[in-house]
C-alpha atoms as a PDB file:
ATOM      1  CA  MET A   1     -24.702  -4.910   3.955  1.00  0.00           C
ATOM      2  CA  THR A   2     -23.789  -8.490   4.839  1.00  0.00           C
ATOM      3  CA  LEU A   3     -20.124  -9.316   4.862  1.00  0.00           C
ATOM      4  CA  GLY A   4     -20.525 -13.097   4.721  1.00  0.00           C
ATOM      5  CA  ARG A   5     -19.705 -13.031   1.006  1.00  0.00           C
ATOM      6  CA  PRO A   6     -19.602  -9.497  -0.343  1.00  0.00           C
ATOM      7  CA  LYS A   7     -21.712  -8.679  -3.358  1.00  0.00           C
ATOM      8  CA  TRP A   8     -19.468  -6.699  -5.634  1.00  0.00           C
ATOM      9  CA  PRO A   9     -20.591  -4.099  -8.211  1.00  0.00           C
ATOM     10  CA  ALA A  10     -21.960  -5.108 -11.615  1.00  0.00           C
ATOM     11  CA  GLY A  11     -21.974  -8.805 -10.772  1.00  0.00           C
ATOM     12  CA  HIS A  12     -18.213  -9.092 -10.337  1.00  0.00           C
ATOM     13  CA  ARG A  13     -17.151 -12.275  -8.580  1.00  0.00           C
ATOM     14  CA  CYS A  14     -14.371 -10.725  -6.461  1.00  0.00           C
ATOM     15  CA  ALA A  15     -12.464  -7.513  -5.905  1.00  0.00           C
ATOM     16  CA  ALA A  16      -8.816  -6.543  -6.234  1.00  0.00           C
ATOM     17  CA  MET A  17      -7.072  -3.493  -4.853  1.00  0.00           C
ATOM     18  CA  ILE A  18      -3.588  -2.831  -6.227  1.00  0.00           C
ATOM     19  CA  THR A  19      -1.583  -0.732  -3.779  1.00  0.00           C
ATOM     20  CA  VAL A  20       1.861   0.846  -4.005  1.00  0.00           C
ATOM     21  CA  ASN A  21       3.864   1.938  -0.954  1.00  0.00           C
ATOM     22  CA  LEU A  22       5.990   4.938  -1.928  1.00  0.00           C
ATOM     23  CA  ASN A  23       8.563   4.466   0.817  1.00  0.00           C
ATOM     24  CA  ALA A  24      11.510   5.911  -1.141  1.00  0.00           C
ATOM     25  CA  GLU A  25      14.579   6.008   1.117  1.00  0.00           C
ATOM     26  CA  LEU A  26      12.472   6.323   4.284  1.00  0.00           C
ATOM     27  CA  PHE A  27      12.242   2.541   4.735  1.00  0.00           C
ATOM     28  CA  TRP A  28      16.007   2.344   5.260  1.00  0.00           C
ATOM     29  CA  LEU A  29      16.205   5.485   7.383  1.00  0.00           C
ATOM     30  CA  GLN A  30      13.537   4.108   9.718  1.00  0.00           C
ATOM     31  CA  LEU A  31      15.418   0.828   9.938  1.00  0.00           C
ATOM     32  CA  ASP A  32      18.641   2.623  10.908  1.00  0.00           C
ATOM     33  CA  PRO A  33      18.945   6.443  11.040  1.00  0.00           C
ATOM     34  CA  SER A  34      22.678   6.155  10.311  1.00  0.00           C
ATOM     35  CA  CYS A  35      21.672   5.219   6.742  1.00  0.00           C
ATOM     36  CA  GLY A  36      21.493   8.966   6.160  1.00  0.00           C
ATOM     37  CA  LYS A  37      25.257   8.783   5.729  1.00  0.00           C
ATOM     38  CA  MET A  38      25.132   5.657   3.551  1.00  0.00           C
ATOM     39  CA  PRO A  39      24.420   6.688  -0.056  1.00  0.00           C
ATOM     40  CA  LYS A  40      24.536   3.087  -1.281  1.00  0.00           C
ATOM     41  CA  THR A  41      21.802   1.977   1.124  1.00  0.00           C
ATOM     42  CA  LEU A  42      19.720   5.091   0.483  1.00  0.00           C
ATOM     43  CA  SER A  43      19.970   4.451  -3.255  1.00  0.00           C
ATOM     44  CA  LEU A  44      18.048   1.188  -2.781  1.00  0.00           C
ATOM     45  CA  GLY A  45      14.959   3.220  -1.899  1.00  0.00           C
ATOM     46  CA  GLN A  46      15.664   6.095  -4.260  1.00  0.00           C
ATOM     47  CA  TYR A  47      15.687   3.660  -7.176  1.00  0.00           C
ATOM     48  CA  GLY A  48      11.981   3.083  -6.625  1.00  0.00           C
ATOM     49  CA  MET A  49      11.231   6.741  -7.219  1.00  0.00           C
ATOM     50  CA  THR A  50      13.679   7.371 -10.073  1.00  0.00           C
ATOM     51  CA  ARG A  51      12.909   4.205 -12.057  1.00  0.00           C
ATOM     52  CA  GLY A  52      10.514   1.761 -10.436  1.00  0.00           C
ATOM     53  CA  VAL A  53       7.376   3.836  -9.997  1.00  0.00           C
ATOM     54  CA  GLU A  54       7.335   4.798 -13.678  1.00  0.00           C
ATOM     55  CA  ARG A  55       7.449   1.144 -14.722  1.00  0.00           C
ATOM     56  CA  ILE A  56       4.578   0.288 -12.387  1.00  0.00           C
ATOM     57  CA  MET A  57       2.436   3.110 -13.752  1.00  0.00           C
ATOM     58  CA  ASP A  58       3.153   2.054 -17.326  1.00  0.00           C
ATOM     59  CA  VAL A  59       2.060  -1.519 -16.565  1.00  0.00           C
ATOM     60  CA  LEU A  60      -1.129  -0.260 -14.923  1.00  0.00           C
ATOM     61  CA  ASP A  61      -1.864   2.140 -17.788  1.00  0.00           C
ATOM     62  CA  GLN A  62      -1.496  -0.612 -20.372  1.00  0.00           C
ATOM     63  CA  ARG A  63      -4.143  -2.648 -18.543  1.00  0.00           C
ATOM     64  CA  LYS A  64      -6.377   0.315 -17.632  1.00  0.00           C
ATOM     65  CA  ILE A  65      -6.071  -0.405 -13.924  1.00  0.00           C
ATOM     66  CA  LYS A  66      -6.070   2.354 -11.318  1.00  0.00           C
ATOM     67  CA  ALA A  67      -4.184   1.806  -8.058  1.00  0.00           C
ATOM     68  CA  THR A  68      -3.861   3.358  -4.615  1.00  0.00           C
ATOM     69  CA  PHE A  69      -0.458   4.868  -3.810  1.00  0.00           C
ATOM     70  CA  PHE A  70       0.185   5.080  -0.069  1.00  0.00           C
ATOM     71  CA  THR A  71       2.586   7.986   0.363  1.00  0.00           C
ATOM     72  CA  PRO A  72       4.493   9.464   3.333  1.00  0.00           C
ATOM     73  CA  GLY A  73       4.119  13.222   3.598  1.00  0.00           C
ATOM     74  CA  TRP A  74       7.907  13.628   3.332  1.00  0.00           C
ATOM     75  CA  VAL A  75       7.899  11.749   0.021  1.00  0.00           C
ATOM     76  CA  ALA A  76       5.067  13.951  -1.260  1.00  0.00           C
ATOM     77  CA  GLU A  77       7.170  17.014  -0.484  1.00  0.00           C
ATOM     78  CA  ASN A  78      10.489  15.701  -1.787  1.00  0.00           C
ATOM     79  CA  TYR A  79       9.178  13.915  -4.892  1.00  0.00           C
ATOM     80  CA  SER A  80       6.283  16.253  -5.648  1.00  0.00           C
ATOM     81  CA  GLU A  81       6.611  16.046  -9.441  1.00  0.00           C
ATOM     82  CA  LYS A  82       6.473  12.260  -9.299  1.00  0.00           C
ATOM     83  CA  LEU A  83       3.442  12.365  -7.028  1.00  0.00           C
ATOM     84  CA  LEU A  84       1.638  14.764  -9.346  1.00  0.00           C
ATOM     85  CA  GLU A  85       2.330  12.364 -12.224  1.00  0.00           C
ATOM     86  CA  VAL A  86       0.780   9.542 -10.189  1.00  0.00           C
ATOM     87  CA  LYS A  87      -2.317  11.692  -9.683  1.00  0.00           C
ATOM     88  CA  ARG A  88      -2.390  12.790 -13.330  1.00  0.00           C
ATOM     89  CA  ARG A  89      -2.614   9.165 -14.394  1.00  0.00           C
ATOM     90  CA  GLY A  90      -5.741   8.708 -12.302  1.00  0.00           C
ATOM     91  CA  HIS A  91      -4.378   6.877  -9.291  1.00  0.00           C
ATOM     92  CA  GLU A  92      -5.355   7.584  -5.707  1.00  0.00           C
ATOM     93  CA  ILE A  93      -2.953   9.142  -3.200  1.00  0.00           C
ATOM     94  CA  ALA A  94      -3.401   7.872   0.365  1.00  0.00           C
ATOM     95  CA  ALA A  95      -1.425   8.502   3.565  1.00  0.00           C
ATOM     96  CA  LEU A  96       1.547   6.489   4.886  1.00  0.00           C
ATOM     97  CA  GLY A  97       2.704   8.541   7.862  1.00  0.00           C
ATOM     98  CA  TYR A  98       5.085  11.454   7.438  1.00  0.00           C
ATOM     99  CA  ARG A  99       8.610   9.991   7.754  1.00  0.00           C
ATOM    100  CA  HIS A 100       7.845   6.266   7.970  1.00  0.00           C
ATOM    101  CA  GLU A 101       7.260   6.387  11.732  1.00  0.00           C
ATOM    102  CA  ASN A 102       6.533   3.346  13.881  1.00  0.00           C
ATOM    103  CA  MET A 103       3.227   4.677  15.140  1.00  0.00           C
ATOM    104  CA  ALA A 104       3.009   2.255  18.082  1.00  0.00           C
ATOM    105  CA  LEU A 105       6.114   3.825  19.624  1.00  0.00           C
ATOM    106  CA  LEU A 106       4.613   7.328  19.650  1.00  0.00           C
ATOM    107  CA  THR A 107       2.354   8.959  22.211  1.00  0.00           C
ATOM    108  CA  ASP A 108      -1.205   9.742  21.176  1.00  0.00           C
ATOM    109  CA  GLU A 109      -0.258  13.400  20.782  1.00  0.00           C
ATOM    110  CA  GLU A 110       2.745  12.531  18.628  1.00  0.00           C
ATOM    111  CA  GLN A 111       0.641  10.219  16.468  1.00  0.00           C
ATOM    112  CA  GLU A 112      -1.910  12.940  15.840  1.00  0.00           C
ATOM    113  CA  ALA A 113       0.815  15.419  14.942  1.00  0.00           C
ATOM    114  CA  VAL A 114       2.310  12.941  12.449  1.00  0.00           C
ATOM    115  CA  MET A 115      -1.113  12.162  10.986  1.00  0.00           C
ATOM    116  CA  ARG A 116      -2.027  15.805  10.481  1.00  0.00           C
ATOM    117  CA  LYS A 117       1.378  16.673   9.036  1.00  0.00           C
ATOM    118  CA  SER A 118       1.107  13.785   6.584  1.00  0.00           C
ATOM    119  CA  ILE A 119      -2.404  14.718   5.489  1.00  0.00           C
ATOM    120  CA  GLU A 120      -1.505  18.376   5.097  1.00  0.00           C
ATOM    121  CA  ALA A 121       1.576  17.591   2.984  1.00  0.00           C
ATOM    122  CA  ILE A 122      -0.437  15.461   0.562  1.00  0.00           C
ATOM    123  CA  LYS A 123      -3.230  18.025   0.397  1.00  0.00           C
ATOM    124  CA  ARG A 124      -0.746  20.826  -0.273  1.00  0.00           C
ATOM    125  CA  ILE A 125       0.925  18.961  -3.138  1.00  0.00           C
ATOM    126  CA  CYS A 126      -2.085  17.196  -4.686  1.00  0.00           C
ATOM    127  CA  GLY A 127      -4.920  19.571  -3.847  1.00  0.00           C
ATOM    128  CA  ASP A 128      -7.056  17.011  -2.022  1.00  0.00           C
ATOM    129  CA  PRO A 129      -6.636  15.378   1.397  1.00  0.00           C
ATOM    130  CA  PRO A 130      -6.061  11.614   1.423  1.00  0.00           C
ATOM    131  CA  ARG A 131      -9.047   9.443   2.245  1.00  0.00           C
ATOM    132  CA  GLY A 132      -7.087   6.321   3.219  1.00  0.00           C
ATOM    133  CA  PHE A 133      -4.317   5.466   5.661  1.00  0.00           C
ATOM    134  CA  ARG A 134      -1.746   2.691   5.939  1.00  0.00           C
ATOM    135  CA  SER A 135       0.720   2.606   8.804  1.00  0.00           C
ATOM    136  CA  PRO A 136       4.404   2.548   7.829  1.00  0.00           C
ATOM    137  CA  GLU A 137       6.489  -0.547   8.653  1.00  0.00           C
ATOM    138  CA  GLY A 138       6.017  -1.341  12.316  1.00  0.00           C
ATOM    139  CA  GLU A 139       2.946  -1.527  14.524  1.00  0.00           C
ATOM    140  CA  LEU A 140       0.018   0.721  15.161  1.00  0.00           C
ATOM    141  CA  THR A 141      -2.454   0.939  17.988  1.00  0.00           C
ATOM    142  CA  LEU A 142      -6.211   1.136  18.119  1.00  0.00           C
ATOM    143  CA  GLU A 143      -5.693   4.763  19.043  1.00  0.00           C
ATOM    144  CA  THR A 144      -3.864   5.220  15.714  1.00  0.00           C
ATOM    145  CA  LEU A 145      -7.060   4.313  13.892  1.00  0.00           C
ATOM    146  CA  ARG A 146      -9.139   6.547  16.173  1.00  0.00           C
ATOM    147  CA  ILE A 147      -6.767   9.427  15.410  1.00  0.00           C
ATOM    148  CA  ALA A 148      -6.949   8.673  11.682  1.00  0.00           C
ATOM    149  CA  LYS A 149     -10.748   8.847  11.846  1.00  0.00           C
ATOM    150  CA  LYS A 150     -10.565  12.077  13.856  1.00  0.00           C
ATOM    151  CA  CYS A 151      -8.303  13.593  11.190  1.00  0.00           C
ATOM    152  CA  GLY A 152     -10.759  12.833   8.388  1.00  0.00           C
ATOM    153  CA  ILE A 153      -9.438   9.462   7.164  1.00  0.00           C
ATOM    154  CA  GLU A 154     -12.250   7.289   5.796  1.00  0.00           C
ATOM    155  CA  TYR A 155     -10.577   3.902   5.444  1.00  0.00           C
ATOM    156  CA  SER A 156      -7.618   1.926   6.751  1.00  0.00           C
ATOM    157  CA  SER A 157      -5.613  -0.823   5.040  1.00  0.00           C
ATOM    158  CA  ASN A 158      -3.532  -2.218   7.888  1.00  0.00           C
ATOM    159  CA  LEU A 159      -4.944  -5.283   9.591  1.00  0.00           C
ATOM    160  CA  CYS A 160      -4.781  -8.974   8.716  1.00  0.00           C
ATOM    161  CA  ASP A 161      -7.868 -10.377  10.445  1.00  0.00           C
ATOM    162  CA  ASP A 162     -10.094 -10.894   7.404  1.00  0.00           C
ATOM    163  CA  ASP A 163     -10.054 -11.015   3.620  1.00  0.00           C
ATOM    164  CA  ARG A 164     -13.129  -8.845   3.156  1.00  0.00           C
ATOM    165  CA  PRO A 165     -13.527  -5.141   3.829  1.00  0.00           C
ATOM    166  CA  TYR A 166     -15.311  -4.636   7.138  1.00  0.00           C
ATOM    167  CA  PHE A 167     -16.032  -1.901   9.646  1.00  0.00           C
ATOM    168  CA  LYS A 168     -13.524  -1.898  12.488  1.00  0.00           C
ATOM    169  CA  ASP A 169     -15.041  -1.103  15.860  1.00  0.00           C
ATOM    170  CA  LEU A 170     -13.127   1.843  17.324  1.00  0.00           C
ATOM    171  CA  GLY A 171     -15.267   2.056  20.445  1.00  0.00           C
ATOM    172  CA  GLN A 172     -17.804   4.658  21.559  1.00  0.00           C
ATOM    173  CA  GLY A 173     -19.930   3.977  18.498  1.00  0.00           C
ATOM    174  CA  GLU A 174     -17.171   4.863  16.010  1.00  0.00           C
ATOM    175  CA  THR A 175     -16.135   2.611  13.114  1.00  0.00           C
ATOM    176  CA  LEU A 176     -13.641   2.807  10.260  1.00  0.00           C
ATOM    177  CA  LEU A 177     -13.663   0.799   7.062  1.00  0.00           C
ATOM    178  CA  GLU A 178     -10.776  -1.686   7.102  1.00  0.00           C
ATOM    179  CA  ILE A 179      -9.455  -3.213   3.859  1.00  0.00           C
ATOM    180  CA  PRO A 180      -7.243  -6.055   5.146  1.00  0.00           C
ATOM    181  CA  ILE A 181      -3.801  -6.981   3.868  1.00  0.00           C
ATOM    182  CA  HIS A 182      -1.665 -10.148   4.015  1.00  0.00           C
ATOM    183  CA  TRP A 183       2.105 -10.635   3.952  1.00  0.00           C
ATOM    184  CA  ALA A 184       1.937 -13.247   1.182  1.00  0.00           C
ATOM    185  CA  ASN A 185       0.708 -10.547  -1.211  1.00  0.00           C
ATOM    186  CA  TYR A 186       3.537  -8.090  -0.510  1.00  0.00           C
ATOM    187  CA  ASP A 187       6.708  -8.012  -2.615  1.00  0.00           C
ATOM    188  CA  LEU A 188       9.029  -6.559   0.055  1.00  0.00           C
ATOM    189  CA  PRO A 189       9.231  -9.684   2.301  1.00  0.00           C
ATOM    190  CA  TYR A 190      10.264 -11.776  -0.705  1.00  0.00           C
ATOM    191  CA  PHE A 191      12.875  -9.555  -2.290  1.00  0.00           C
ATOM    192  CA  ALA A 192      14.201  -6.730  -0.097  1.00  0.00           C
ATOM    193  CA  PHE A 193      17.845  -7.310   0.818  1.00  0.00           C
ATOM    194  CA  ASN A 194      20.815  -5.375   2.153  1.00  0.00           C
ATOM    195  CA  TYR A 195      24.091  -6.334   3.835  1.00  0.00           C
ATOM    196  CA  HIS A 196      24.384  -3.378   6.223  1.00  0.00           C
ATOM    197  CA  PRO A 197      22.177  -2.596   7.927  1.00  0.00           C
ATOM    198  CA  ALA A 198      21.256  -6.248   7.514  1.00  0.00           C
ATOM    199  CA  PHE A 199      17.813  -6.773   6.059  1.00  0.00           C
ATOM    200  CA  PRO A 200      16.516  -9.331   6.672  1.00  0.00           C
ATOM    201  CA  ALA A 201      18.494  -9.904   9.838  1.00  0.00           C
ATOM    202  CA  GLY A 202      19.140 -13.548   8.945  1.00  0.00           C
ATOM    203  CA  GLN A 203      20.079 -12.717   5.327  1.00  0.00           C
ATOM    204  CA  GLY A 204      17.844 -15.490   3.983  1.00  0.00           C
ATOM    205  CA  ARG A 205      16.603 -14.356   0.580  1.00  0.00           C
ATOM    206  CA  ILE A 206      16.168 -13.147  -2.375  1.00  0.00           C
ATOM    207  CA  ALA A 207      13.220 -15.418  -3.340  1.00  0.00           C
ATOM    208  CA  GLY A 208      12.845 -17.159  -6.690  1.00  0.00           C
ATOM    209  CA  TYR A 209      10.671 -15.199  -9.088  1.00  0.00           C
ATOM    210  CA  GLU A 210       8.527 -18.057 -10.390  1.00  0.00           C
ATOM    211  CA  GLY A 211       7.719 -19.150  -6.853  1.00  0.00           C
ATOM    212  CA  VAL A 212       6.562 -15.677  -5.864  1.00  0.00           C
ATOM    213  CA  LEU A 213       4.365 -15.366  -8.937  1.00  0.00           C
ATOM    214  CA  SER A 214       2.881 -18.771  -8.172  1.00  0.00           C
ATOM    215  CA  ASN A 215       2.134 -17.655  -4.603  1.00  0.00           C
ATOM    216  CA  TRP A 216       0.401 -14.505  -5.798  1.00  0.00           C
ATOM    217  CA  LYS A 217      -1.685 -16.384  -8.355  1.00  0.00           C
ATOM    218  CA  ASP A 218      -2.690 -19.010  -5.794  1.00  0.00           C
ATOM    219  CA  GLU A 219      -3.691 -16.329  -3.290  1.00  0.00           C
ATOM    220  CA  PHE A 220      -5.747 -14.576  -5.945  1.00  0.00           C
ATOM    221  CA  TYR A 221      -7.343 -17.849  -7.023  1.00  0.00           C
ATOM    222  CA  GLY A 222      -8.507 -18.446  -3.460  1.00  0.00           C
ATOM    223  CA  CYS A 223      -9.911 -14.928  -3.152  1.00  0.00           C
ATOM    224  CA  ARG A 224     -11.788 -15.275  -6.412  1.00  0.00           C
ATOM    225  CA  GLU A 225     -13.090 -18.746  -5.507  1.00  0.00           C
ATOM    226  CA  TYR A 226     -14.646 -17.390  -2.301  1.00  0.00           C
ATOM    227  CA  GLY A 227     -15.626 -13.986  -3.679  1.00  0.00           C
ATOM    228  CA  LEU A 228     -13.251 -11.996  -1.472  1.00  0.00           C
ATOM    229  CA  CYS A 229     -10.957  -8.969  -1.789  1.00  0.00           C
ATOM    230  CA  TYR A 230      -7.377  -9.441  -3.001  1.00  0.00           C
ATOM    231  CA  VAL A 231      -5.036  -6.664  -1.864  1.00  0.00           C
ATOM    232  CA  LEU A 232      -1.585  -6.547  -3.487  1.00  0.00           C
ATOM    233  CA  GLN A 233       1.179  -4.444  -1.918  1.00  0.00           C
ATOM    234  CA  LEU A 234       4.053  -3.255  -4.087  1.00  0.00           C
ATOM    235  CA  ASP A 235       7.241  -1.315  -3.413  1.00  0.00           C
ATOM    236  CA  PRO A 236       8.598   0.394  -6.551  1.00  0.00           C
ATOM    237  CA  ALA A 237      12.196  -0.324  -5.533  1.00  0.00           C
ATOM    238  CA  VAL A 238      11.357  -4.032  -5.476  1.00  0.00           C
ATOM    239  CA  ILE A 239       8.876  -4.853  -8.230  1.00  0.00           C
ATOM    240  CA  GLY A 240      10.041  -1.954 -10.420  1.00  0.00           C
ATOM    241  CA  ALA A 241      13.326  -3.626 -11.348  1.00  0.00           C
ATOM    242  CA  PRO A 242      13.473  -4.694 -15.026  1.00  0.00           C
ATOM    243  CA  GLY A 243      13.754  -8.378 -14.147  1.00  0.00           C
ATOM    244  CA  ARG A 244      10.771  -8.311 -11.788  1.00  0.00           C
ATOM    245  CA  ILE A 245       8.249  -6.026 -13.456  1.00  0.00           C
ATOM    246  CA  SER A 246       7.135  -8.972 -15.593  1.00  0.00           C
ATOM    247  CA  LEU A 247       5.844 -10.623 -12.399  1.00  0.00           C
ATOM    248  CA  LEU A 248       3.354  -7.795 -12.055  1.00  0.00           C
ATOM    249  CA  GLU A 249       2.489  -7.960 -15.758  1.00  0.00           C
ATOM    250  CA  ASP A 250       1.872 -11.705 -15.612  1.00  0.00           C
ATOM    251  CA  LEU A 251      -0.182 -11.475 -12.433  1.00  0.00           C
ATOM    252  CA  LEU A 252      -2.416  -8.660 -13.676  1.00  0.00           C
ATOM    253  CA  ASP A 253      -2.916 -10.411 -17.028  1.00  0.00           C
ATOM    254  CA  TYR A 254      -3.927 -13.585 -15.192  1.00  0.00           C
ATOM    255  CA  MET A 255      -6.392 -11.626 -13.051  1.00  0.00           C
ATOM    256  CA  LYS A 256      -7.911  -9.767 -15.988  1.00  0.00           C
ATOM    257  CA  GLU A 257      -8.293 -12.973 -17.997  1.00  0.00           C
ATOM    258  CA  GLN A 258     -10.902 -14.114 -15.479  1.00  0.00           C
ATOM    259  CA  GLY A 259     -13.209 -11.343 -16.690  1.00  0.00           C
ATOM    260  CA  ASP A 260     -15.032 -10.943 -13.376  1.00  0.00           C
ATOM    261  CA  VAL A 261     -12.675  -8.982 -11.120  1.00  0.00           C
ATOM    262  CA  TRP A 262     -13.571  -5.533  -9.813  1.00  0.00           C
ATOM    263  CA  PHE A 263     -10.326  -3.531  -9.723  1.00  0.00           C
ATOM    264  CA  ALA A 264     -10.909  -0.716  -7.263  1.00  0.00           C
ATOM    265  CA  ARG A 265      -9.004   2.008  -5.485  1.00  0.00           C
ATOM    266  CA  GLY A 266      -9.476   2.393  -1.752  1.00  0.00           C
ATOM    267  CA  SER A 267     -11.763   5.374  -2.193  1.00  0.00           C
ATOM    268  CA  GLU A 268     -13.988   3.352  -4.532  1.00  0.00           C
ATOM    269  CA  MET A 269     -14.203   0.597  -1.926  1.00  0.00           C
ATOM    270  CA  THR A 270     -15.200   3.221   0.613  1.00  0.00           C
ATOM    271  CA  ASN A 271     -17.858   4.677  -1.663  1.00  0.00           C
ATOM    272  CA  PHE A 272     -19.268   1.202  -2.301  1.00  0.00           C
ATOM    273  CA  PHE A 273     -19.469   0.066   1.299  1.00  0.00           C
ATOM    274  CA  GLY A 274     -20.401   3.482   2.679  1.00  0.00           C
ATOM    275  CA  ASN A 275     -18.993   4.850   5.909  1.00  0.00           C
END
């Protein structure tokens, strides 16, 4: 299959993959382990699970869109009822490490242990192993993707080197489907904020809502114009707030109005491109 300009199913002009990162409080704990003793900081992530994720699912349900929820194994275990509700509504559960590890800082053996523990936790809670993998905040290595493939993962959504799904060369004749992402289409860099530990370090946001929506629409417009794949990343603690959820509603309505967008989960992308 040529990847010059992908030919999408049923004559669709472009594709869109809506993804949700279920970080819960792990984002803050990875940033600074001492946050375990800071209930206010932890509550920033917990809000996404207690309130935000439900709002996201309601918005998706109203528009009949199915998404891919990248989930740490620890979150699957500690918010199992919420994860089962995500599955019940027809969304895909994919892997996001176990405790929001920075995979690039781990040895190959440690990475494999994390990967297997994450996969097993999701399989135990949901009944099926995850088919996709996204690395938590921080880097990954090529070996991370090799390990993911070894552990049964069929696609990755981590890299930023294209705007079309493609097969990443892992060496020794092995490949893995990559569904690229871009920072401009991620809510966390625009809105996440905390005084201590300071995030961002320079304390230079929260962004204006209309500007962010305009960015997302412009990015989608470009993807549609060139027939590419638009991947949106959402954190329930960010977009799930009552004043921000309308950004997601407006964006999805704008995308659906075009009438030629293939909304697909990661597993559907994998089935289409083959692996």
